[in-house]
């Protein structure tokens, strides 16, 4: 777990440009998500990116090109309707979560991110929990994820309600 790094948004922009070139017109948008997208939030230094595409079924055709720029294709990796890629091997630097336009998961990720941006008290609670769990489970990612699951679900529910009100 690291303190927020001002370079994270720049690393996102660099990688976003590579993905735009690779996927061309299939890409509708690419969002910076996850903890590195929230200024002031402590995070593992892994840039989470969420490209939105026209047709999720076409993404697999780009696996070789993604491998050529350092990504390992992971398929859906447990989330139906997603294509997931990791970069950096054991020292991961980027995660790419691709969804088709209209996917509920897009709104879920954006609501969570934006809610943390605008609710510093929630961001602090979340950051503190992540730090405690990272210290408690330095080599056990499953326990780390399980430990934050309940709070993530609570924040996500509030965030989605808040986000829907913004859209009205």
N, C-alpha and C. Protein backbone atom coordinates (compact mmCIF):
# COMPACT_ATOMS: atom_id res chain seq x y z
N UNK A 1 0.85 -1.17 0.00
CA UNK A 1 0.00 0.00 0.00
C UNK A 1 0.90 1.23 0.00
N UNK A 2 0.59 2.15 -0.88
CA UNK A 2 1.40 3.37 -0.98
C UNK A 2 0.53 4.61 -0.88
N UNK A 3 1.13 5.70 -0.46
CA UNK A 3 0.43 6.97 -0.48
C UNK A 3 0.13 7.33 -1.92
N UNK A 4 -0.90 8.16 -2.11
CA UNK A 4 -1.28 8.58 -3.45
C UNK A 4 -0.08 9.19 -4.17
N UNK A 5 0.08 8.86 -5.44
CA UNK A 5 1.19 9.33 -6.25
C UNK A 5 0.63 10.17 -7.41
N UNK A 6 1.10 11.39 -7.50
CA UNK A 6 0.63 12.31 -8.55
C UNK A 6 0.90 11.79 -9.96
N UNK A 7 1.80 10.82 -10.08
CA UNK A 7 2.14 10.27 -11.40
C UNK A 7 1.09 9.27 -11.90
N UNK A 8 0.25 8.76 -11.01
CA UNK A 8 -0.72 7.73 -11.43
C UNK A 8 -1.63 8.20 -12.57
N UNK A 9 -2.18 9.42 -12.51
CA UNK A 9 -3.00 9.86 -13.64
C UNK A 9 -2.20 9.94 -14.96
N UNK A 10 -0.93 10.30 -14.86
CA UNK A 10 -0.10 10.38 -16.06
C UNK A 10 0.17 8.99 -16.63
N UNK A 11 0.39 8.02 -15.74
CA UNK A 11 0.59 6.64 -16.20
C UNK A 11 -0.68 6.12 -16.87
N UNK A 12 -1.83 6.52 -16.35
CA UNK A 12 -3.10 6.15 -16.98
C UNK A 12 -3.19 6.73 -18.39
N UNK A 13 -2.90 8.02 -18.54
CA UNK A 13 -3.00 8.69 -19.84
C UNK A 13 -2.06 8.04 -20.86
N UNK A 14 -0.85 7.73 -20.43
CA UNK A 14 0.11 7.06 -21.33
C UNK A 14 -0.45 5.75 -21.87
N UNK A 15 -0.98 4.96 -20.96
CA UNK A 15 -1.49 3.63 -21.35
C UNK A 15 -2.79 3.75 -22.13
N UNK A 16 -3.60 4.73 -21.77
CA UNK A 16 -4.87 4.95 -22.50
C UNK A 16 -4.59 5.19 -23.97
N UNK A 17 -3.56 5.96 -24.27
CA UNK A 17 -3.24 6.26 -25.67
C UNK A 17 -2.85 4.99 -26.42
N UNK A 18 -2.10 4.10 -25.77
CA UNK A 18 -1.72 2.83 -26.41
C UNK A 18 -2.97 2.00 -26.73
N UNK A 19 -3.90 1.96 -25.78
CA UNK A 19 -5.12 1.17 -25.98
C UNK A 19 -6.00 1.78 -27.07
N UNK A 20 -6.06 3.10 -27.13
CA UNK A 20 -6.84 3.76 -28.18
C UNK A 20 -6.29 3.41 -29.56
N UNK A 21 -4.97 3.43 -29.68
CA UNK A 21 -4.35 3.07 -30.96
C UNK A 21 -4.62 1.61 -31.30
N UNK A 22 -4.51 0.75 -30.32
CA UNK A 22 -4.67 -0.68 -30.55
C UNK A 22 -6.11 -1.04 -30.95
N UNK A 23 -7.10 -0.53 -30.21
CA UNK A 23 -8.49 -0.91 -30.44
C UNK A 23 -9.20 -0.01 -31.45
N UNK A 24 -8.65 1.16 -31.72
CA UNK A 24 -9.23 2.05 -32.72
C UNK A 24 -10.69 2.37 -32.46
N UNK A 25 -11.53 2.19 -33.47
CA UNK A 25 -12.93 2.57 -33.40
C UNK A 25 -13.78 1.68 -32.50
N UNK A 26 -13.23 0.57 -32.04
CA UNK A 26 -13.99 -0.29 -31.11
C UNK A 26 -14.18 0.40 -29.76
N UNK A 27 -13.24 1.29 -29.40
CA UNK A 27 -13.27 1.97 -28.10
C UNK A 27 -14.24 3.14 -28.15
N UNK A 28 -15.10 3.20 -27.16
CA UNK A 28 -15.99 4.35 -26.99
C UNK A 28 -15.38 5.33 -26.00
N UNK A 29 -14.83 4.78 -24.91
CA UNK A 29 -14.21 5.62 -23.89
C UNK A 29 -13.27 4.73 -23.06
N UNK A 30 -12.36 5.36 -22.33
CA UNK A 30 -11.48 4.63 -21.42
C UNK A 30 -11.42 5.43 -20.13
N UNK A 31 -11.81 4.78 -19.02
CA UNK A 31 -11.87 5.44 -17.71
C UNK A 31 -10.76 4.93 -16.80
N UNK A 32 -10.24 5.84 -16.00
CA UNK A 32 -9.31 5.48 -14.92
C UNK A 32 -10.18 5.16 -13.72
N UNK A 33 -10.08 3.93 -13.21
CA UNK A 33 -10.89 3.49 -12.08
C UNK A 33 -9.97 2.95 -10.99
N UNK A 34 -10.57 2.45 -9.92
CA UNK A 34 -9.77 1.86 -8.85
C UNK A 34 -9.12 2.94 -7.99
N UNK A 35 -8.38 2.49 -7.01
CA UNK A 35 -7.84 3.39 -6.00
C UNK A 35 -6.85 4.40 -6.56
N UNK A 36 -6.12 4.06 -7.61
CA UNK A 36 -5.15 5.03 -8.16
C UNK A 36 -5.85 6.19 -8.87
N UNK A 37 -7.16 6.08 -9.07
CA UNK A 37 -7.91 7.16 -9.73
C UNK A 37 -8.50 8.15 -8.73
N UNK A 38 -8.28 7.92 -7.44
CA UNK A 38 -8.87 8.77 -6.40
C UNK A 38 -7.76 9.52 -5.66
N UNK A 39 -7.59 10.82 -5.96
CA UNK A 39 -6.54 11.59 -5.30
C UNK A 39 -6.64 11.48 -3.78
N UNK A 40 -5.49 11.22 -3.16
CA UNK A 40 -5.42 11.14 -1.70
C UNK A 40 -5.65 9.75 -1.13
N UNK A 41 -6.09 8.80 -1.95
CA UNK A 41 -6.37 7.46 -1.46
C UNK A 41 -5.12 6.59 -1.57
N UNK A 42 -4.76 5.93 -0.49
CA UNK A 42 -3.63 5.00 -0.53
C UNK A 42 -4.02 3.83 -1.42
N UNK A 43 -3.04 3.29 -2.13
CA UNK A 43 -3.35 2.23 -3.09
C UNK A 43 -2.14 1.38 -3.38
N UNK A 44 -2.41 0.20 -3.89
CA UNK A 44 -1.34 -0.58 -4.52
C UNK A 44 -1.06 0.16 -5.82
N UNK A 45 0.19 0.26 -6.23
CA UNK A 45 0.52 1.06 -7.42
C UNK A 45 0.19 0.34 -8.73
N UNK A 46 -1.08 -0.05 -8.86
CA UNK A 46 -1.55 -0.71 -10.08
C UNK A 46 -2.63 0.16 -10.69
N UNK A 47 -2.43 0.56 -11.93
CA UNK A 47 -3.37 1.42 -12.63
C UNK A 47 -4.51 0.57 -13.19
N UNK A 48 -5.72 0.79 -12.68
CA UNK A 48 -6.89 0.09 -13.19
C UNK A 48 -7.55 0.96 -14.25
N UNK A 49 -7.79 0.33 -15.39
CA UNK A 49 -8.37 1.04 -16.53
C UNK A 49 -9.63 0.31 -16.98
N UNK A 50 -10.62 1.08 -17.44
CA UNK A 50 -11.87 0.48 -17.89
C UNK A 50 -12.24 1.01 -19.27
N UNK A 51 -11.75 0.33 -20.31
CA UNK A 51 -12.22 0.68 -21.66
C UNK A 51 -13.67 0.22 -21.85
N UNK A 52 -14.44 1.05 -22.53
CA UNK A 52 -15.81 0.71 -22.91
C UNK A 52 -15.78 0.51 -24.42
N UNK A 53 -16.28 -0.66 -24.85
CA UNK A 53 -16.24 -1.00 -26.28
C UNK A 53 -17.64 -1.19 -26.84
N UNK A 54 -17.71 -1.15 -28.16
CA UNK A 54 -19.00 -1.36 -28.85
C UNK A 54 -19.46 -2.80 -28.74
N UNK A 55 -18.52 -3.76 -28.89
CA UNK A 55 -18.88 -5.18 -28.92
C UNK A 55 -17.85 -5.99 -28.16
N UNK A 56 -18.23 -6.48 -26.98
CA UNK A 56 -17.30 -7.23 -26.13
C UNK A 56 -16.77 -8.49 -26.82
N UNK A 57 -17.57 -9.08 -27.70
CA UNK A 57 -17.16 -10.31 -28.36
C UNK A 57 -16.00 -10.12 -29.34
N UNK A 58 -15.75 -8.88 -29.75
CA UNK A 58 -14.64 -8.62 -30.66
C UNK A 58 -13.30 -8.44 -29.94
N UNK A 59 -13.35 -8.26 -28.62
CA UNK A 59 -12.13 -7.97 -27.86
C UNK A 59 -11.11 -9.10 -27.96
N UNK A 60 -11.59 -10.34 -27.95
CA UNK A 60 -10.67 -11.49 -27.99
C UNK A 60 -9.79 -11.49 -29.25
N UNK A 61 -10.26 -10.85 -30.29
CA UNK A 61 -9.47 -10.77 -31.53
C UNK A 61 -8.21 -9.93 -31.35
N UNK A 62 -8.15 -9.17 -30.26
CA UNK A 62 -7.01 -8.28 -30.01
C UNK A 62 -6.02 -8.86 -29.01
N UNK A 63 -6.21 -10.12 -28.60
CA UNK A 63 -5.33 -10.70 -27.58
C UNK A 63 -3.86 -10.67 -27.96
N UNK A 64 -3.54 -10.99 -29.21
CA UNK A 64 -2.12 -10.98 -29.62
C UNK A 64 -1.54 -9.57 -29.57
N UNK A 65 -2.31 -8.58 -30.01
CA UNK A 65 -1.83 -7.20 -29.96
C UNK A 65 -1.64 -6.75 -28.50
N UNK A 66 -2.54 -7.18 -27.63
CA UNK A 66 -2.40 -6.84 -26.21
C UNK A 66 -1.15 -7.51 -25.63
N UNK A 67 -0.89 -8.74 -26.00
CA UNK A 67 0.32 -9.42 -25.53
C UNK A 67 1.57 -8.69 -26.03
N UNK A 68 1.51 -8.16 -27.24
CA UNK A 68 2.66 -7.46 -27.82
C UNK A 68 3.02 -6.20 -27.03
N UNK A 69 2.03 -5.61 -26.33
CA UNK A 69 2.34 -4.43 -25.50
C UNK A 69 2.40 -4.79 -24.01
N UNK A 70 2.53 -6.10 -23.72
CA UNK A 70 2.83 -6.53 -22.36
C UNK A 70 1.68 -7.06 -21.52
N UNK A 71 0.50 -7.20 -22.10
CA UNK A 71 -0.67 -7.65 -21.33
C UNK A 71 -0.90 -9.14 -21.48
N UNK A 72 -1.33 -9.76 -20.37
CA UNK A 72 -1.72 -11.17 -20.38
C UNK A 72 -3.24 -11.23 -20.42
N UNK A 73 -3.82 -11.82 -21.47
CA UNK A 73 -5.28 -11.96 -21.52
C UNK A 73 -5.75 -12.97 -20.48
N UNK A 74 -6.79 -12.62 -19.75
CA UNK A 74 -7.35 -13.49 -18.71
C UNK A 74 -8.81 -13.86 -18.98
N UNK A 75 -9.33 -13.51 -20.16
CA UNK A 75 -10.73 -13.80 -20.46
C UNK A 75 -11.65 -13.01 -19.55
N UNK A 76 -12.77 -13.61 -19.17
CA UNK A 76 -13.72 -12.94 -18.27
C UNK A 76 -13.19 -12.87 -16.85
N UNK A 77 -12.34 -13.82 -16.47
CA UNK A 77 -11.73 -13.87 -15.14
C UNK A 77 -12.77 -13.73 -14.03
N UNK A 78 -13.85 -14.49 -14.16
CA UNK A 78 -14.86 -14.55 -13.10
C UNK A 78 -15.98 -13.55 -13.18
N UNK A 79 -15.93 -12.63 -14.12
CA UNK A 79 -17.01 -11.64 -14.25
C UNK A 79 -17.59 -11.73 -15.67
N UNK A 80 -18.77 -12.32 -15.80
CA UNK A 80 -19.38 -12.44 -17.13
C UNK A 80 -19.53 -11.08 -17.82
N UNK A 81 -19.23 -11.06 -19.10
CA UNK A 81 -19.37 -9.83 -19.87
C UNK A 81 -18.17 -8.90 -19.78
N UNK A 82 -17.10 -9.34 -19.15
CA UNK A 82 -15.88 -8.53 -19.03
C UNK A 82 -14.75 -9.24 -19.74
N UNK A 83 -13.78 -8.49 -20.22
CA UNK A 83 -12.50 -9.04 -20.66
C UNK A 83 -11.45 -8.36 -19.80
N UNK A 84 -10.56 -9.18 -19.25
CA UNK A 84 -9.60 -8.70 -18.26
C UNK A 84 -8.19 -9.01 -18.72
N UNK A 85 -7.30 -8.03 -18.54
CA UNK A 85 -5.90 -8.16 -18.92
C UNK A 85 -5.03 -7.62 -17.77
N UNK A 86 -3.88 -8.26 -17.57
CA UNK A 86 -2.91 -7.80 -16.58
C UNK A 86 -1.58 -7.52 -17.26
N UNK A 87 -0.89 -6.51 -16.76
CA UNK A 87 0.43 -6.16 -17.29
C UNK A 87 1.43 -6.15 -16.14
N UNK A 88 2.60 -6.68 -16.38
CA UNK A 88 3.67 -6.59 -15.39
C UNK A 88 4.00 -7.87 -14.66
N UNK A 89 3.36 -8.98 -15.03
CA UNK A 89 3.68 -10.26 -14.39
C UNK A 89 3.46 -10.21 -12.89
N UNK A 90 4.47 -10.67 -12.10
CA UNK A 90 4.36 -10.69 -10.65
C UNK A 90 4.38 -9.28 -10.06
N UNK A 91 4.94 -8.33 -10.79
CA UNK A 91 4.96 -6.93 -10.35
C UNK A 91 3.97 -6.14 -11.21
N UNK A 92 2.71 -6.52 -11.10
CA UNK A 92 1.69 -5.92 -11.97
C UNK A 92 1.70 -4.41 -11.90
N UNK A 93 1.55 -3.80 -13.07
CA UNK A 93 1.51 -2.34 -13.14
C UNK A 93 0.15 -1.83 -13.62
N UNK A 94 -0.56 -2.65 -14.41
CA UNK A 94 -1.84 -2.23 -14.97
C UNK A 94 -2.82 -3.40 -15.00
N UNK A 95 -4.09 -3.07 -14.76
CA UNK A 95 -5.19 -3.99 -14.98
C UNK A 95 -6.14 -3.32 -15.97
N UNK A 96 -6.61 -4.07 -16.94
CA UNK A 96 -7.57 -3.53 -17.91
C UNK A 96 -8.84 -4.36 -17.80
N UNK A 97 -9.95 -3.69 -17.49
CA UNK A 97 -11.26 -4.31 -17.34
C UNK A 97 -12.12 -3.76 -18.48
N UNK A 98 -12.37 -4.55 -19.49
CA UNK A 98 -13.12 -4.06 -20.66
C UNK A 98 -14.57 -4.52 -20.56
N UNK A 99 -15.49 -3.57 -20.76
CA UNK A 99 -16.92 -3.86 -20.76
C UNK A 99 -17.55 -3.30 -22.03
N UNK A 100 -18.67 -3.90 -22.41
CA UNK A 100 -19.43 -3.40 -23.55
C UNK A 100 -20.32 -2.26 -23.07
N UNK A 101 -20.48 -1.26 -23.93
CA UNK A 101 -21.33 -0.11 -23.62
C UNK A 101 -22.69 -0.63 -23.13
N UNK A 102 -23.20 0.00 -22.08
CA UNK A 102 -24.48 -0.42 -21.51
C UNK A 102 -24.35 -1.38 -20.34
N UNK A 103 -23.17 -1.91 -20.09
CA UNK A 103 -22.96 -2.85 -18.98
C UNK A 103 -23.19 -2.14 -17.64
N UNK A 104 -23.89 -2.81 -16.75
CA UNK A 104 -24.12 -2.31 -15.39
C UNK A 104 -22.79 -2.06 -14.68
N UNK A 105 -21.78 -2.87 -14.96
CA UNK A 105 -20.50 -2.75 -14.27
C UNK A 105 -19.81 -1.42 -14.54
N UNK A 106 -20.07 -0.81 -15.66
CA UNK A 106 -19.48 0.50 -15.96
C UNK A 106 -19.98 1.52 -14.94
N UNK A 107 -21.29 1.58 -14.78
CA UNK A 107 -21.89 2.53 -13.83
C UNK A 107 -21.40 2.24 -12.40
N UNK A 108 -21.31 0.96 -12.05
CA UNK A 108 -20.88 0.55 -10.72
C UNK A 108 -19.47 1.08 -10.42
N UNK A 109 -18.56 0.90 -11.36
CA UNK A 109 -17.18 1.37 -11.15
C UNK A 109 -17.11 2.90 -11.10
N UNK A 110 -17.80 3.57 -11.99
CA UNK A 110 -17.75 5.03 -12.02
C UNK A 110 -18.41 5.64 -10.79
N UNK A 111 -19.52 5.06 -10.35
CA UNK A 111 -20.20 5.56 -9.15
C UNK A 111 -19.29 5.43 -7.93
N UNK A 112 -18.64 4.28 -7.79
CA UNK A 112 -17.75 4.05 -6.65
C UNK A 112 -16.61 5.07 -6.66
N UNK A 113 -15.97 5.22 -7.80
CA UNK A 113 -14.85 6.17 -7.91
C UNK A 113 -15.30 7.59 -7.58
N UNK A 114 -16.39 8.03 -8.22
CA UNK A 114 -16.83 9.41 -8.05
C UNK A 114 -17.34 9.68 -6.63
N UNK A 115 -17.95 8.67 -6.02
CA UNK A 115 -18.43 8.80 -4.64
C UNK A 115 -17.24 9.03 -3.70
N UNK A 116 -16.17 8.27 -3.88
CA UNK A 116 -14.98 8.47 -3.05
C UNK A 116 -14.37 9.85 -3.28
N UNK A 117 -14.40 10.32 -4.52
CA UNK A 117 -13.89 11.66 -4.83
C UNK A 117 -14.61 12.71 -3.99
N UNK A 118 -15.92 12.58 -3.85
CA UNK A 118 -16.73 13.63 -3.26
C UNK A 118 -17.10 13.39 -1.79
N UNK A 119 -16.65 12.28 -1.22
CA UNK A 119 -16.95 11.98 0.18
C UNK A 119 -15.65 11.63 0.92
N UNK A 120 -14.93 12.67 1.37
CA UNK A 120 -13.61 12.45 1.98
C UNK A 120 -13.65 11.55 3.22
N UNK A 121 -14.74 11.60 3.99
CA UNK A 121 -14.83 10.75 5.18
C UNK A 121 -14.89 9.27 4.78
N UNK A 122 -15.63 8.96 3.73
CA UNK A 122 -15.75 7.58 3.25
C UNK A 122 -14.41 7.14 2.64
N UNK A 123 -13.78 8.03 1.89
CA UNK A 123 -12.47 7.74 1.31
C UNK A 123 -11.46 7.41 2.41
N UNK A 124 -11.48 8.18 3.50
CA UNK A 124 -10.54 7.94 4.60
C UNK A 124 -10.81 6.58 5.26
N UNK A 125 -12.07 6.27 5.53
CA UNK A 125 -12.42 4.97 6.14
C UNK A 125 -11.97 3.81 5.25
N UNK A 126 -12.22 3.95 3.97
CA UNK A 126 -11.85 2.91 3.02
C UNK A 126 -10.33 2.76 2.96
N UNK A 127 -9.62 3.88 2.88
CA UNK A 127 -8.16 3.86 2.84
C UNK A 127 -7.55 3.25 4.10
N UNK A 128 -8.13 3.61 5.26
CA UNK A 128 -7.63 3.06 6.53
C UNK A 128 -7.82 1.55 6.58
N UNK A 129 -8.99 1.08 6.14
CA UNK A 129 -9.25 -0.36 6.14
C UNK A 129 -8.28 -1.08 5.20
N UNK A 130 -8.08 -0.54 4.01
CA UNK A 130 -7.16 -1.15 3.05
C UNK A 130 -5.75 -1.25 3.63
N UNK A 131 -5.33 -0.19 4.31
CA UNK A 131 -3.99 -0.21 4.90
C UNK A 131 -3.86 -1.26 5.99
N UNK A 132 -4.87 -1.34 6.88
CA UNK A 132 -4.84 -2.36 7.95
C UNK A 132 -4.79 -3.76 7.34
N UNK A 133 -5.62 -4.00 6.32
CA UNK A 133 -5.66 -5.32 5.70
C UNK A 133 -4.35 -5.65 4.98
N UNK A 134 -3.76 -4.65 4.34
CA UNK A 134 -2.48 -4.87 3.64
C UNK A 134 -1.38 -5.25 4.63
N UNK A 135 -1.42 -4.64 5.82
CA UNK A 135 -0.44 -4.99 6.85
C UNK A 135 -0.72 -6.36 7.44
N UNK A 136 -2.01 -6.67 7.61
CA UNK A 136 -2.41 -7.94 8.21
C UNK A 136 -2.17 -9.12 7.27
N UNK A 137 -2.38 -8.90 5.95
CA UNK A 137 -2.29 -9.98 4.96
C UNK A 137 -1.35 -9.59 3.82
N UNK A 138 -0.06 -9.36 4.11
CA UNK A 138 0.85 -8.87 3.07
C UNK A 138 1.03 -9.82 1.88
N UNK A 139 0.83 -11.11 2.10
CA UNK A 139 1.06 -12.08 1.02
C UNK A 139 -0.18 -12.92 0.72
N UNK A 140 -1.33 -12.47 1.22
CA UNK A 140 -2.57 -13.24 1.06
C UNK A 140 -3.63 -12.34 0.44
N UNK A 141 -3.61 -12.22 -0.90
CA UNK A 141 -4.51 -11.32 -1.61
C UNK A 141 -5.98 -11.70 -1.38
N UNK A 142 -6.28 -12.99 -1.27
CA UNK A 142 -7.67 -13.42 -1.08
C UNK A 142 -8.21 -12.90 0.26
N UNK A 143 -7.42 -12.98 1.32
CA UNK A 143 -7.86 -12.47 2.63
C UNK A 143 -7.99 -10.96 2.60
N UNK A 144 -7.09 -10.30 1.90
CA UNK A 144 -7.17 -8.84 1.75
C UNK A 144 -8.48 -8.46 1.07
N UNK A 145 -8.80 -9.11 -0.03
CA UNK A 145 -10.03 -8.81 -0.77
C UNK A 145 -11.26 -9.14 0.08
N UNK A 146 -11.26 -10.30 0.73
CA UNK A 146 -12.39 -10.68 1.59
C UNK A 146 -12.58 -9.69 2.72
N UNK A 147 -11.49 -9.19 3.26
CA UNK A 147 -11.56 -8.25 4.38
C UNK A 147 -12.19 -6.93 4.03
N UNK A 148 -12.08 -6.51 2.79
CA UNK A 148 -12.66 -5.22 2.42
C UNK A 148 -14.01 -5.37 1.71
N UNK A 149 -14.43 -6.59 1.46
CA UNK A 149 -15.63 -6.83 0.67
C UNK A 149 -16.90 -6.18 1.26
N UNK A 150 -17.11 -6.33 2.57
CA UNK A 150 -18.34 -5.78 3.17
C UNK A 150 -18.39 -4.26 3.04
N UNK A 151 -17.28 -3.59 3.33
CA UNK A 151 -17.26 -2.13 3.22
C UNK A 151 -17.42 -1.70 1.77
N UNK A 152 -16.78 -2.41 0.85
CA UNK A 152 -16.91 -2.08 -0.58
C UNK A 152 -18.38 -2.18 -1.00
N UNK A 153 -19.07 -3.23 -0.56
CA UNK A 153 -20.49 -3.38 -0.91
C UNK A 153 -21.34 -2.25 -0.33
N UNK A 154 -21.07 -1.87 0.91
CA UNK A 154 -21.80 -0.77 1.54
C UNK A 154 -21.57 0.53 0.78
N UNK A 155 -20.32 0.81 0.46
CA UNK A 155 -20.00 2.04 -0.28
C UNK A 155 -20.65 1.99 -1.65
N UNK A 156 -20.57 0.84 -2.30
CA UNK A 156 -21.12 0.71 -3.65
C UNK A 156 -22.62 0.98 -3.67
N UNK A 157 -23.36 0.46 -2.69
CA UNK A 157 -24.81 0.70 -2.63
C UNK A 157 -25.10 2.19 -2.49
N UNK A 158 -24.42 2.84 -1.55
CA UNK A 158 -24.62 4.28 -1.35
C UNK A 158 -24.21 5.06 -2.60
N UNK A 159 -23.09 4.64 -3.19
CA UNK A 159 -22.57 5.32 -4.37
C UNK A 159 -23.54 5.23 -5.54
N UNK A 160 -24.12 4.07 -5.75
CA UNK A 160 -25.06 3.90 -6.87
C UNK A 160 -26.31 4.74 -6.66
N UNK A 161 -26.84 4.79 -5.43
CA UNK A 161 -28.00 5.65 -5.15
C UNK A 161 -27.65 7.11 -5.42
N UNK A 162 -26.49 7.53 -4.91
CA UNK A 162 -26.02 8.90 -5.09
C UNK A 162 -25.82 9.22 -6.57
N UNK A 163 -25.22 8.31 -7.30
CA UNK A 163 -24.91 8.49 -8.72
C UNK A 163 -26.18 8.62 -9.55
N UNK A 164 -27.17 7.80 -9.24
CA UNK A 164 -28.44 7.85 -9.97
C UNK A 164 -29.14 9.19 -9.76
N UNK A 165 -29.03 9.72 -8.55
CA UNK A 165 -29.63 11.04 -8.26
C UNK A 165 -28.94 12.14 -9.05
N UNK A 166 -27.63 11.99 -9.25
CA UNK A 166 -26.88 12.99 -10.04
C UNK A 166 -27.35 13.02 -11.48
N UNK A 167 -27.71 11.83 -12.00
CA UNK A 167 -28.08 11.71 -13.41
C UNK A 167 -29.47 12.26 -13.70
N UNK A 168 -30.27 12.47 -12.65
CA UNK A 168 -31.64 12.96 -12.85
C UNK A 168 -31.67 14.43 -13.17
